[in-house]
Amino acid sequence: MKAIGEIEYEIKQCVGCGYCCLTAPCFESVVEYELDRLDQKCPGLVWSDEEAMFRCELMLKPGEEGKSFRNKLAAGAGCSSSLFNQYRDGMLVKKGGEVGEAQ
C-alpha cells in the first residue's frame, strides 16, 4: 500500500488493456508521430497475439531509444488508470483473473 496524505491506495499491475493509449496519446507519441489531436488513439499501440495484450511500439524499440521511452513512460510502474476501468476489467476476465484483484 502507498499513501498520499491519509489516503491509501494500491498500485495495480499493467495488464496491457490499452486504455491509456486508446483514450489519449502520451507526449512522446505526439512528438514521435507528429500528432495534431490529443483525442485520438495512439498509432503506436499494437496488439500482441503472443502475449494477448496491447503493447507500445515506442517502448519496444531496440537499444537506448527503447530504454529512453520505457523510462519516460514509467514502464513497470503499474496501471495509471485502474479505477473504474472497464478496459482493464475486461482484460483481466479474458486472462482468467478477477476484476478488482491486485494484478
Foldseek 3Di string as FASTA:
>chain_A
DDDDVPDDDAFAADLQLQVVQQQFNDPVQCVVVVDPDGGHHRPQWDADPVSRHIDGNQCVDDDPRNVVVCVVVVPPRGDPDLPPDVSRCVSCVVVVHHRPDRD
